[in-house]
Amino acid sequence: MPADRSFDRILFWRTIENNSFQLFEYSMSRNLLQNAVQIQFG
């Protein structure tokens, strides 16, 4: 049976400098990192 994918994806981020950070989406079932978004403000 297929696994329950409700908790498959993890969102996490890292701060690059004082005014920007990157946001990631990680899929555990496919062991895949995707949708890296860099956000800058200030």
C-alpha atoms as a PDB file:
ATOM      1  CA  MET A   1       0.000   0.000   0.000  1.00  0.00           C
ATOM      2  CA  PRO A   2       1.211   3.536  -0.644  1.00  0.00           C
ATOM      3  CA  ALA A   3       2.492   5.405   2.348  1.00  0.00           C
ATOM      4  CA  ASP A   4       0.537   8.241   3.871  1.00  0.00           C
ATOM      5  CA  ARG A   5       1.990  11.388   2.367  1.00  0.00           C
ATOM      6  CA  SER A   6       0.392  13.870   4.721  1.00  0.00           C
ATOM      7  CA  PHE A   7       3.690  14.285   6.589  1.00  0.00           C
ATOM      8  CA  ASP A   8       5.914  13.695   3.586  1.00  0.00           C
ATOM      9  CA  ARG A   9       7.080  17.252   3.074  1.00  0.00           C
ATOM     10  CA  ILE A  10       9.172  19.326   5.426  1.00  0.00           C
ATOM     11  CA  LEU A  11       9.637  23.060   5.120  1.00  0.00           C
ATOM     12  CA  PHE A  12      12.798  24.574   6.508  1.00  0.00           C
ATOM     13  CA  TRP A  13      14.874  27.656   5.999  1.00  0.00           C
ATOM     14  CA  ARG A  14      18.309  29.085   6.603  1.00  0.00           C
ATOM     15  CA  THR A  15      19.427  32.652   7.143  1.00  0.00           C
ATOM     16  CA  ILE A  16      22.064  33.788   4.675  1.00  0.00           C
ATOM     17  CA  GLU A  17      22.758  37.293   5.941  1.00  0.00           C
ATOM     18  CA  ASN A  18      20.913  39.770   8.114  1.00  0.00           C
ATOM     19  CA  ASN A  19      18.364  40.575   5.415  1.00  0.00           C
ATOM     20  CA  SER A  20      17.817  37.414   3.390  1.00  0.00           C
ATOM     21  CA  PHE A  21      16.972  33.764   3.869  1.00  0.00           C
ATOM     22  CA  GLN A  22      16.289  30.685   1.776  1.00  0.00           C
ATOM     23  CA  LEU A  23      13.179  28.542   2.065  1.00  0.00           C
ATOM     24  CA  PHE A  24      13.281  24.857   1.092  1.00  0.00           C
ATOM     25  CA  GLU A  25      10.790  22.064   0.688  1.00  0.00           C
ATOM     26  CA  TYR A  26      12.040  18.539   1.346  1.00  0.00           C
ATOM     27  CA  SER A  27      10.237  15.365   0.329  1.00  0.00           C
ATOM     28  CA  MET A  28      11.109  12.376   2.493  1.00  0.00           C
ATOM     29  CA  SER A  29       9.582   9.673   0.307  1.00  0.00           C
ATOM     30  CA  ARG A  30      11.532  10.757  -2.770  1.00  0.00           C
ATOM     31  CA  ASN A  31      14.547  11.994  -0.796  1.00  0.00           C
ATOM     32  CA  LEU A  32      14.360  15.170  -2.829  1.00  0.00           C
ATOM     33  CA  LEU A  33      15.080  18.790  -2.061  1.00  0.00           C
ATOM     34  CA  GLN A  34      13.016  21.172  -4.123  1.00  0.00           C
ATOM     35  CA  ASN A  35      11.545  24.648  -4.370  1.00  0.00           C
ATOM     36  CA  ALA A  36      14.449  26.628  -3.003  1.00  0.00           C
ATOM     37  CA  VAL A  37      13.319  30.222  -2.679  1.00  0.00           C
ATOM     38  CA  GLN A  38      15.560  33.072  -1.616  1.00  0.00           C
ATOM     39  CA  ILE A  39      13.825  36.029   0.002  1.00  0.00           C
ATOM     40  CA  GLN A  40      15.549  39.337   0.610  1.00  0.00           C
ATOM     41  CA  PHE A  41      14.135  42.275   2.518  1.00  0.00           C
ATOM     42  CA  GLY A  42      15.272  45.532   4.056  1.00  0.00           C
END
